[in-house]
Amino acid sequence: MLEQLPRRQIEELRAPSVTDLVFDTLYRQVVELKIEPGTKLSEAEVSKLMGVSRQPVRDAFYRLSQLGFLLVRPQRATTVTQISVRAVHEARFVRTALELETVRAAAARLEKPQIQELDALIDEQRKAVKAGDKVLFHELDDDFHRRICHMSGHGYTWKLIRDYKAHMDRVRYLSLSFGAELALNDHIALMDALRVHDVEGAATVIREHLSRISGIIGRIRESHGQYFLDEE
């Protein structure tokens, strides 16, 4: 007869691995441009700085390369990739397709406690915008979209969305210096639709919200041209 795992062992299995922690740290630093495009990264240096062995760093590098953040080549330096406009547009298309359906599903089923939870998150976003804290707003923005995915009953889509939206994240982060309040207003409009179970209204808002990146990418490229890949 099968035996249950001890609760402590289950909790340990659920805890993030060293690779996860290294990946999350590097992911955040690349998105926030603390590690700029073109920067060379060394497994040995990163493992020394983070106080971990080289294997989790190697695994994290591989995951970041799969997302398109790192260019890993044998016998050559690993570098942070430049931003590809083409990849950003492709990521927006995929993300929009997925979130249209999760938002529709959420609008049809959200109940009062879930609405209150999202409203509280909107209040935190307001505070972040007022404080000019774009790092915090970026985190709250992701949390808002993530929670809607889970509340829709399709939480498994968030990993897909996170992976595909990676190409958008650096542009999104750069846009927050002038676009955080606009993003907040979109979230408020989405809440208005979700609150009254307006399925198609919510879909319209999320489509417009995610399409804004197409209109701002040129402005970002003008001021941060060194971050972008020359694809002409």
C-alpha atoms as a PDB file:
ATOM      1  CA  MET A   1       0.000   0.000   0.000  1.00  0.00           C
ATOM      2  CA  LEU A   2       1.292   3.469  -0.884  1.00  0.00           C
ATOM      3  CA  GLU A   3       2.410   5.637   2.017  1.00  0.00           C
ATOM      4  CA  GLN A   4       2.059   9.394   2.323  1.00  0.00           C
ATOM      5  CA  LEU A   5       5.168  11.542   2.246  1.00  0.00           C
ATOM      6  CA  PRO A   6       5.983  13.293   5.519  1.00  0.00           C
ATOM      7  CA  ARG A   7       4.593  16.841   5.518  1.00  0.00           C
ATOM      8  CA  ARG A   8       8.072  18.337   6.075  1.00  0.00           C
ATOM      9  CA  GLN A   9       9.377  16.499   3.012  1.00  0.00           C
ATOM     10  CA  ILE A  10       6.474  17.785   0.927  1.00  0.00           C
ATOM     11  CA  GLU A  11       7.232  21.349   2.051  1.00  0.00           C
ATOM     12  CA  GLU A  12      10.892  20.890   1.096  1.00  0.00           C
ATOM     13  CA  LEU A  13       9.891  19.647  -2.346  1.00  0.00           C
ATOM     14  CA  ARG A  14       7.727  22.717  -2.819  1.00  0.00           C
ATOM     15  CA  ALA A  15      10.501  25.095  -1.816  1.00  0.00           C
ATOM     16  CA  PRO A  16      12.282  26.822  -4.709  1.00  0.00           C
ATOM     17  CA  SER A  17      15.517  25.149  -5.764  1.00  0.00           C
ATOM     18  CA  VAL A  18      18.862  26.931  -5.853  1.00  0.00           C
ATOM     19  CA  THR A  19      18.530  27.018  -9.645  1.00  0.00           C
ATOM     20  CA  ASP A  20      15.117  28.699  -9.293  1.00  0.00           C
ATOM     21  CA  LEU A  21      16.570  31.328  -6.980  1.00  0.00           C
ATOM     22  CA  VAL A  22      19.508  32.035  -9.299  1.00  0.00           C
ATOM     23  CA  PHE A  23      17.174  32.139 -12.312  1.00  0.00           C
ATOM     24  CA  ASP A  24      14.696  34.490 -10.623  1.00  0.00           C
ATOM     25  CA  THR A  25      17.472  36.831  -9.492  1.00  0.00           C
ATOM     26  CA  LEU A  26      19.096  37.023 -12.930  1.00  0.00           C
ATOM     27  CA  TYR A  27      15.708  37.273 -14.676  1.00  0.00           C
ATOM     28  CA  ARG A  28      14.730  40.261 -12.552  1.00  0.00           C
ATOM     29  CA  GLN A  29      18.087  41.997 -13.024  1.00  0.00           C
ATOM     30  CA  VAL A  30      17.960  41.535 -16.809  1.00  0.00           C
ATOM     31  CA  VAL A  31      14.353  42.783 -17.019  1.00  0.00           C
ATOM     32  CA  GLU A  32      15.131  45.808 -14.856  1.00  0.00           C
ATOM     33  CA  LEU A  33      18.199  46.542 -17.033  1.00  0.00           C
ATOM     34  CA  LYS A  34      20.493  46.246 -14.023  1.00  0.00           C
ATOM     35  CA  ILE A  35      22.303  43.803 -16.279  1.00  0.00           C
ATOM     36  CA  GLU A  36      22.255  45.590 -19.622  1.00  0.00           C
ATOM     37  CA  PRO A  37      22.086  44.053 -23.110  1.00  0.00           C
ATOM     38  CA  GLY A  38      25.560  43.145 -24.324  1.00  0.00           C
ATOM     39  CA  THR A  39      26.869  42.406 -20.822  1.00  0.00           C
ATOM     40  CA  LYS A  40      29.154  39.369 -20.629  1.00  0.00           C
ATOM     41  CA  LEU A  41      28.319  36.866 -17.895  1.00  0.00           C
ATOM     42  CA  SER A  42      30.575  34.172 -16.497  1.00  0.00           C
ATOM     43  CA  GLU A  43      29.309  31.061 -14.707  1.00  0.00           C
ATOM     44  CA  ALA A  44      32.312  31.215 -12.414  1.00  0.00           C
ATOM     45  CA  GLU A  45      31.818  34.887 -11.517  1.00  0.00           C
ATOM     46  CA  VAL A  46      28.058  34.560 -10.982  1.00  0.00           C
ATOM     47  CA  SER A  47      28.476  31.446  -8.810  1.00  0.00           C
ATOM     48  CA  LYS A  48      31.102  33.242  -6.716  1.00  0.00           C
ATOM     49  CA  LEU A  49      28.988  36.387  -6.303  1.00  0.00           C
ATOM     50  CA  MET A  50      25.872  34.416  -5.368  1.00  0.00           C
ATOM     51  CA  GLY A  51      27.696  31.934  -3.180  1.00  0.00           C
ATOM     52  CA  VAL A  52      26.459  28.850  -5.026  1.00  0.00           C
ATOM     53  CA  SER A  53      28.050  26.074  -7.070  1.00  0.00           C
ATOM     54  CA  ARG A  54      28.373  26.394 -10.841  1.00  0.00           C
ATOM     55  CA  GLN A  55      25.730  23.782 -11.705  1.00  0.00           C
ATOM     56  CA  PRO A  56      22.647  25.827 -10.672  1.00  0.00           C
ATOM     57  CA  VAL A  57      24.156  28.834 -12.446  1.00  0.00           C
ATOM     58  CA  ARG A  58      24.673  26.738 -15.570  1.00  0.00           C
ATOM     59  CA  ASP A  59      21.065  25.516 -15.360  1.00  0.00           C
ATOM     60  CA  ALA A  60      19.773  29.066 -14.846  1.00  0.00           C
ATOM     61  CA  PHE A  61      21.823  30.289 -17.820  1.00  0.00           C
ATOM     62  CA  TYR A  62      20.217  27.581 -19.957  1.00  0.00           C
ATOM     63  CA  ARG A  63      16.700  28.591 -18.885  1.00  0.00           C
ATOM     64  CA  LEU A  64      17.457  32.243 -19.593  1.00  0.00           C
ATOM     65  CA  SER A  65      18.852  31.322 -23.004  1.00  0.00           C
ATOM     66  CA  GLN A  66      15.634  29.441 -23.784  1.00  0.00           C
ATOM     67  CA  LEU A  67      13.698  32.630 -23.040  1.00  0.00           C
ATOM     68  CA  GLY A  68      15.999  34.567 -25.353  1.00  0.00           C
ATOM     69  CA  PHE A  69      17.707  36.618 -22.628  1.00  0.00           C
ATOM     70  CA  LEU A  70      21.154  35.034 -22.932  1.00  0.00           C
ATOM     71  CA  LEU A  71      23.269  34.002 -25.886  1.00  0.00           C
ATOM     72  CA  VAL A  72      25.266  30.956 -24.808  1.00  0.00           C
ATOM     73  CA  ARG A  73      27.943  29.784 -27.237  1.00  0.00           C
ATOM     74  CA  PRO A  74      30.574  27.078 -26.687  1.00  0.00           C
ATOM     75  CA  GLN A  75      34.075  28.423 -26.049  1.00  0.00           C
ATOM     76  CA  ARG A  76      32.791  32.015 -26.209  1.00  0.00           C
ATOM     77  CA  ALA A  77      31.508  34.487 -23.640  1.00  0.00           C
ATOM     78  CA  THR A  78      27.856  34.266 -22.622  1.00  0.00           C
ATOM     79  CA  THR A  79      26.176  37.615 -23.260  1.00  0.00           C
ATOM     80  CA  VAL A  80      22.865  39.265 -22.457  1.00  0.00           C
ATOM     81  CA  THR A  81      20.934  39.611 -25.706  1.00  0.00           C
ATOM     82  CA  GLN A  82      19.738  42.867 -27.159  1.00  0.00           C
ATOM     83  CA  ILE A  83      16.008  43.479 -27.450  1.00  0.00           C
ATOM     84  CA  SER A  84      14.460  42.146 -30.649  1.00  0.00           C
ATOM     85  CA  VAL A  85      11.492  44.208 -31.844  1.00  0.00           C
ATOM     86  CA  ARG A  86      10.305  41.246 -33.907  1.00  0.00           C
ATOM     87  CA  ALA A  87      10.383  38.991 -30.832  1.00  0.00           C
ATOM     88  CA  VAL A  88       8.482  41.606 -28.798  1.00  0.00           C
ATOM     89  CA  HIS A  89       5.664  41.697 -31.356  1.00  0.00           C
ATOM     90  CA  GLU A  90       5.530  37.901 -31.519  1.00  0.00           C
ATOM     91  CA  ALA A  91       5.386  37.713 -27.720  1.00  0.00           C
ATOM     92  CA  ARG A  92       2.577  40.280 -27.606  1.00  0.00           C
ATOM     93  CA  PHE A  93       0.545  38.238 -30.104  1.00  0.00           C
ATOM     94  CA  VAL A  94       0.876  35.024 -28.093  1.00  0.00           C
ATOM     95  CA  ARG A  95       0.268  36.722 -24.751  1.00  0.00           C
ATOM     96  CA  THR A  96      -2.828  38.488 -26.050  1.00  0.00           C
ATOM     97  CA  ALA A  97      -4.297  35.231 -27.385  1.00  0.00           C
ATOM     98  CA  LEU A  98      -3.862  33.549 -24.001  1.00  0.00           C
ATOM     99  CA  GLU A  99      -5.008  36.420 -21.801  1.00  0.00           C
ATOM    100  CA  LEU A 100      -8.087  37.142 -23.875  1.00  0.00           C
ATOM    101  CA  GLU A 101      -9.419  33.730 -22.904  1.00  0.00           C
ATOM    102  CA  THR A 102      -8.349  33.837 -19.251  1.00  0.00           C
ATOM    103  CA  VAL A 103      -9.921  37.284 -18.842  1.00  0.00           C
ATOM    104  CA  ARG A 104     -13.139  36.122 -20.502  1.00  0.00           C
ATOM    105  CA  ALA A 105     -13.261  33.134 -18.156  1.00  0.00           C
ATOM    106  CA  ALA A 106     -12.521  35.318 -15.123  1.00  0.00           C
ATOM    107  CA  ALA A 107     -15.238  37.815 -16.038  1.00  0.00           C
ATOM    108  CA  ALA A 108     -17.795  35.013 -16.146  1.00  0.00           C
ATOM    109  CA  ARG A 109     -16.941  33.535 -12.754  1.00  0.00           C
ATOM    110  CA  LEU A 110     -15.329  36.032 -10.356  1.00  0.00           C
ATOM    111  CA  GLU A 111     -17.044  36.339  -7.007  1.00  0.00           C
ATOM    112  CA  LYS A 112     -17.033  39.174  -4.475  1.00  0.00           C
ATOM    113  CA  PRO A 113     -14.015  38.004  -2.390  1.00  0.00           C
ATOM    114  CA  GLN A 114     -11.903  37.715  -5.550  1.00  0.00           C
ATOM    115  CA  ILE A 115     -12.998  41.162  -6.734  1.00  0.00           C
ATOM    116  CA  GLN A 116     -12.021  42.575  -3.342  1.00  0.00           C
ATOM    117  CA  GLU A 117      -8.618  40.892  -3.574  1.00  0.00           C
ATOM    118  CA  LEU A 118      -7.975  42.441  -6.981  1.00  0.00           C
ATOM    119  CA  ASP A 119      -9.243  45.837  -5.801  1.00  0.00           C
ATOM    120  CA  ALA A 120      -6.724  45.716  -2.944  1.00  0.00           C
ATOM    121  CA  LEU A 121      -3.991  45.015  -5.472  1.00  0.00           C
ATOM    122  CA  ILE A 122      -5.128  48.016  -7.521  1.00  0.00           C
ATOM    123  CA  ASP A 123      -4.786  50.160  -4.379  1.00  0.00           C
ATOM    124  CA  GLU A 124      -1.194  48.942  -3.984  1.00  0.00           C
ATOM    125  CA  GLN A 125      -0.532  49.852  -7.610  1.00  0.00           C
ATOM    126  CA  ARG A 126      -1.878  53.378  -7.008  1.00  0.00           C
ATOM    127  CA  LYS A 127       0.544  53.790  -4.107  1.00  0.00           C
ATOM    128  CA  ALA A 128       3.459  52.556  -6.231  1.00  0.00           C
ATOM    129  CA  VAL A 129       2.594  55.000  -9.033  1.00  0.00           C
ATOM    130  CA  LYS A 130       2.274  57.883  -6.567  1.00  0.00           C
ATOM    131  CA  ALA A 131       5.657  56.977  -5.046  1.00  0.00           C
ATOM    132  CA  GLY A 132       7.262  56.656  -8.483  1.00  0.00           C
ATOM    133  CA  ASP A 133       8.367  53.129  -7.582  1.00  0.00           C
ATOM    134  CA  LYS A 134       8.466  51.435 -10.989  1.00  0.00           C
ATOM    135  CA  VAL A 135      10.162  48.285  -9.671  1.00  0.00           C
ATOM    136  CA  LEU A 136       7.293  47.693  -7.262  1.00  0.00           C
ATOM    137  CA  PHE A 137       4.691  48.624  -9.868  1.00  0.00           C
ATOM    138  CA  HIS A 138       6.206  46.132 -12.318  1.00  0.00           C
ATOM    139  CA  GLU A 139       5.924  43.375  -9.705  1.00  0.00           C
ATOM    140  CA  LEU A 140       2.341  44.352  -8.839  1.00  0.00           C
ATOM    141  CA  ASP A 141       1.456  44.497 -12.538  1.00  0.00           C
ATOM    142  CA  ASP A 142       2.635  40.909 -13.016  1.00  0.00           C
ATOM    143  CA  ASP A 143       0.843  39.815  -9.840  1.00  0.00           C
ATOM    144  CA  PHE A 144      -2.416  41.363 -11.073  1.00  0.00           C
ATOM    145  CA  HIS A 145      -2.315  39.449 -14.367  1.00  0.00           C
ATOM    146  CA  ARG A 146      -1.159  36.260 -12.628  1.00  0.00           C
ATOM    147  CA  ARG A 147      -3.983  36.314 -10.117  1.00  0.00           C
ATOM    148  CA  ILE A 148      -6.594  36.834 -12.824  1.00  0.00           C
ATOM    149  CA  CYS A 149      -5.226  33.768 -14.638  1.00  0.00           C
ATOM    150  CA  HIS A 150      -5.567  31.685 -11.490  1.00  0.00           C
ATOM    151  CA  MET A 151      -8.991  33.070 -10.646  1.00  0.00           C
ATOM    152  CA  SER A 152     -10.174  32.224 -14.148  1.00  0.00           C
ATOM    153  CA  GLY A 153      -9.627  28.537 -13.391  1.00  0.00           C
ATOM    154  CA  HIS A 154      -6.751  28.365 -15.876  1.00  0.00           C
ATOM    155  CA  GLY A 155      -3.764  29.118 -13.680  1.00  0.00           C
ATOM    156  CA  TYR A 156      -1.582  26.771 -15.723  1.00  0.00           C
ATOM    157  CA  THR A 157      -1.545  29.384 -18.490  1.00  0.00           C
ATOM    158  CA  TRP A 158       0.545  31.786 -16.405  1.00  0.00           C
ATOM    159  CA  LYS A 159       3.761  29.834 -16.919  1.00  0.00           C
ATOM    160  CA  LEU A 160       3.161  29.943 -20.677  1.00  0.00           C
ATOM    161  CA  ILE A 161       2.410  33.647 -20.507  1.00  0.00           C
ATOM    162  CA  ARG A 162       5.466  34.372 -18.366  1.00  0.00           C
ATOM    163  CA  ASP A 163       7.732  32.484 -20.754  1.00  0.00           C
ATOM    164  CA  TYR A 164       6.357  34.175 -23.868  1.00  0.00           C
ATOM    165  CA  LYS A 165       6.148  37.661 -22.401  1.00  0.00           C
ATOM    166  CA  ALA A 166       9.834  37.663 -21.443  1.00  0.00           C
ATOM    167  CA  HIS A 167      10.675  39.525 -24.657  1.00  0.00           C
ATOM    168  CA  MET A 168       8.139  42.216 -23.709  1.00  0.00           C
ATOM    169  CA  ASP A 169       9.304  42.676 -20.147  1.00  0.00           C
ATOM    170  CA  ARG A 170      12.354  44.842 -20.747  1.00  0.00           C
ATOM    171  CA  VAL A 171      10.359  47.187 -22.985  1.00  0.00           C
ATOM    172  CA  ARG A 172       7.497  47.232 -20.471  1.00  0.00           C
ATOM    173  CA  TYR A 173       9.908  48.102 -17.675  1.00  0.00           C
ATOM    174  CA  LEU A 174      11.499  50.929 -19.663  1.00  0.00           C
ATOM    175  CA  SER A 175       8.043  52.309 -20.476  1.00  0.00           C
ATOM    176  CA  LEU A 176       7.056  52.629 -16.812  1.00  0.00           C
ATOM    177  CA  SER A 177       8.980  55.899 -16.480  1.00  0.00           C
ATOM    178  CA  PHE A 178       6.138  57.501 -18.446  1.00  0.00           C
ATOM    179  CA  GLY A 179       3.480  54.784 -18.803  1.00  0.00           C
ATOM    180  CA  ALA A 180       2.806  53.404 -15.315  1.00  0.00           C
ATOM    181  CA  GLU A 181      -0.252  55.597 -14.747  1.00  0.00           C
ATOM    182  CA  LEU A 182      -1.696  54.605 -18.134  1.00  0.00           C
ATOM    183  CA  ALA A 183      -1.187  50.924 -17.266  1.00  0.00           C
ATOM    184  CA  LEU A 184      -2.899  51.517 -13.917  1.00  0.00           C
ATOM    185  CA  ASN A 185      -5.876  53.149 -15.651  1.00  0.00           C
ATOM    186  CA  ASP A 186      -6.159  50.117 -17.934  1.00  0.00           C
ATOM    187  CA  HIS A 187      -6.217  47.852 -14.883  1.00  0.00           C
ATOM    188  CA  ILE A 188      -8.957  49.979 -13.322  1.00  0.00           C
ATOM    189  CA  ALA A 189     -10.997  49.764 -16.547  1.00  0.00           C
ATOM    190  CA  LEU A 190     -10.511  45.997 -16.568  1.00  0.00           C
ATOM    191  CA  MET A 191     -11.755  45.797 -12.972  1.00  0.00           C
ATOM    192  CA  ASP A 192     -14.853  47.787 -13.948  1.00  0.00           C
ATOM    193  CA  ALA A 193     -15.661  45.136 -16.568  1.00  0.00           C
ATOM    194  CA  LEU A 194     -14.830  42.186 -14.306  1.00  0.00           C
ATOM    195  CA  ARG A 195     -16.955  43.613 -11.499  1.00  0.00           C
ATOM    196  CA  VAL A 196     -20.136  43.447 -13.610  1.00  0.00           C
ATOM    197  CA  HIS A 197     -19.205  40.207 -15.425  1.00  0.00           C
ATOM    198  CA  ASP A 198     -18.880  42.009 -18.764  1.00  0.00           C
ATOM    199  CA  VAL A 199     -17.055  39.256 -20.650  1.00  0.00           C
ATOM    200  CA  GLU A 200     -16.531  41.032 -23.965  1.00  0.00           C
ATOM    201  CA  GLY A 201     -15.890  44.376 -22.290  1.00  0.00           C
ATOM    202  CA  ALA A 202     -13.074  42.795 -20.280  1.00  0.00           C
ATOM    203  CA  ALA A 203     -11.679  41.213 -23.455  1.00  0.00           C
ATOM    204  CA  THR A 204     -11.684  44.581 -25.216  1.00  0.00           C
ATOM    205  CA  VAL A 205      -9.802  46.227 -22.354  1.00  0.00           C
ATOM    206  CA  ILE A 206      -7.114  43.525 -22.155  1.00  0.00           C
ATOM    207  CA  ARG A 207      -6.618  43.585 -25.924  1.00  0.00           C
ATOM    208  CA  GLU A 208      -6.088  47.349 -25.910  1.00  0.00           C
ATOM    209  CA  HIS A 209      -3.919  47.155 -22.788  1.00  0.00           C
ATOM    210  CA  LEU A 210      -1.508  44.612 -24.265  1.00  0.00           C
ATOM    211  CA  SER A 211      -1.440  46.310 -27.682  1.00  0.00           C
ATOM    212  CA  ARG A 212      -0.043  49.523 -26.208  1.00  0.00           C
ATOM    213  CA  ILE A 213       3.471  48.126 -26.386  1.00  0.00           C
ATOM    214  CA  SER A 214       3.319  48.349 -30.193  1.00  0.00           C
ATOM    215  CA  GLY A 215       2.788  52.096 -29.929  1.00  0.00           C
ATOM    216  CA  ILE A 216       5.526  52.805 -27.401  1.00  0.00           C
ATOM    217  CA  ILE A 217       8.328  50.580 -28.651  1.00  0.00           C
ATOM    218  CA  GLY A 218       9.454  53.228 -31.160  1.00  0.00           C
ATOM    219  CA  ARG A 219       9.666  55.848 -28.408  1.00  0.00           C
ATOM    220  CA  ILE A 220      11.684  53.474 -26.218  1.00  0.00           C
ATOM    221  CA  ARG A 221      14.019  52.659 -29.082  1.00  0.00           C
ATOM    222  CA  GLU A 222      14.682  56.355 -29.766  1.00  0.00           C
ATOM    223  CA  SER A 223      15.877  56.936 -26.215  1.00  0.00           C
ATOM    224  CA  HIS A 224      17.558  53.550 -25.627  1.00  0.00           C
ATOM    225  CA  GLY A 225      18.751  52.540 -29.078  1.00  0.00           C
ATOM    226  CA  GLN A 226      21.835  50.798 -27.669  1.00  0.00           C
ATOM    227  CA  TYR A 227      19.599  48.160 -26.070  1.00  0.00           C
ATOM    228  CA  PHE A 228      18.018  47.066 -29.360  1.00  0.00           C
ATOM    229  CA  LEU A 229      19.086  44.554 -31.963  1.00  0.00           C
ATOM    230  CA  ASP A 230      19.604  45.919 -35.472  1.00  0.00           C
ATOM    231  CA  GLU A 231      17.181  43.787 -37.493  1.00  0.00           C
ATOM    232  CA  GLU A 232      17.126  45.795 -40.718  1.00  0.00           C
END
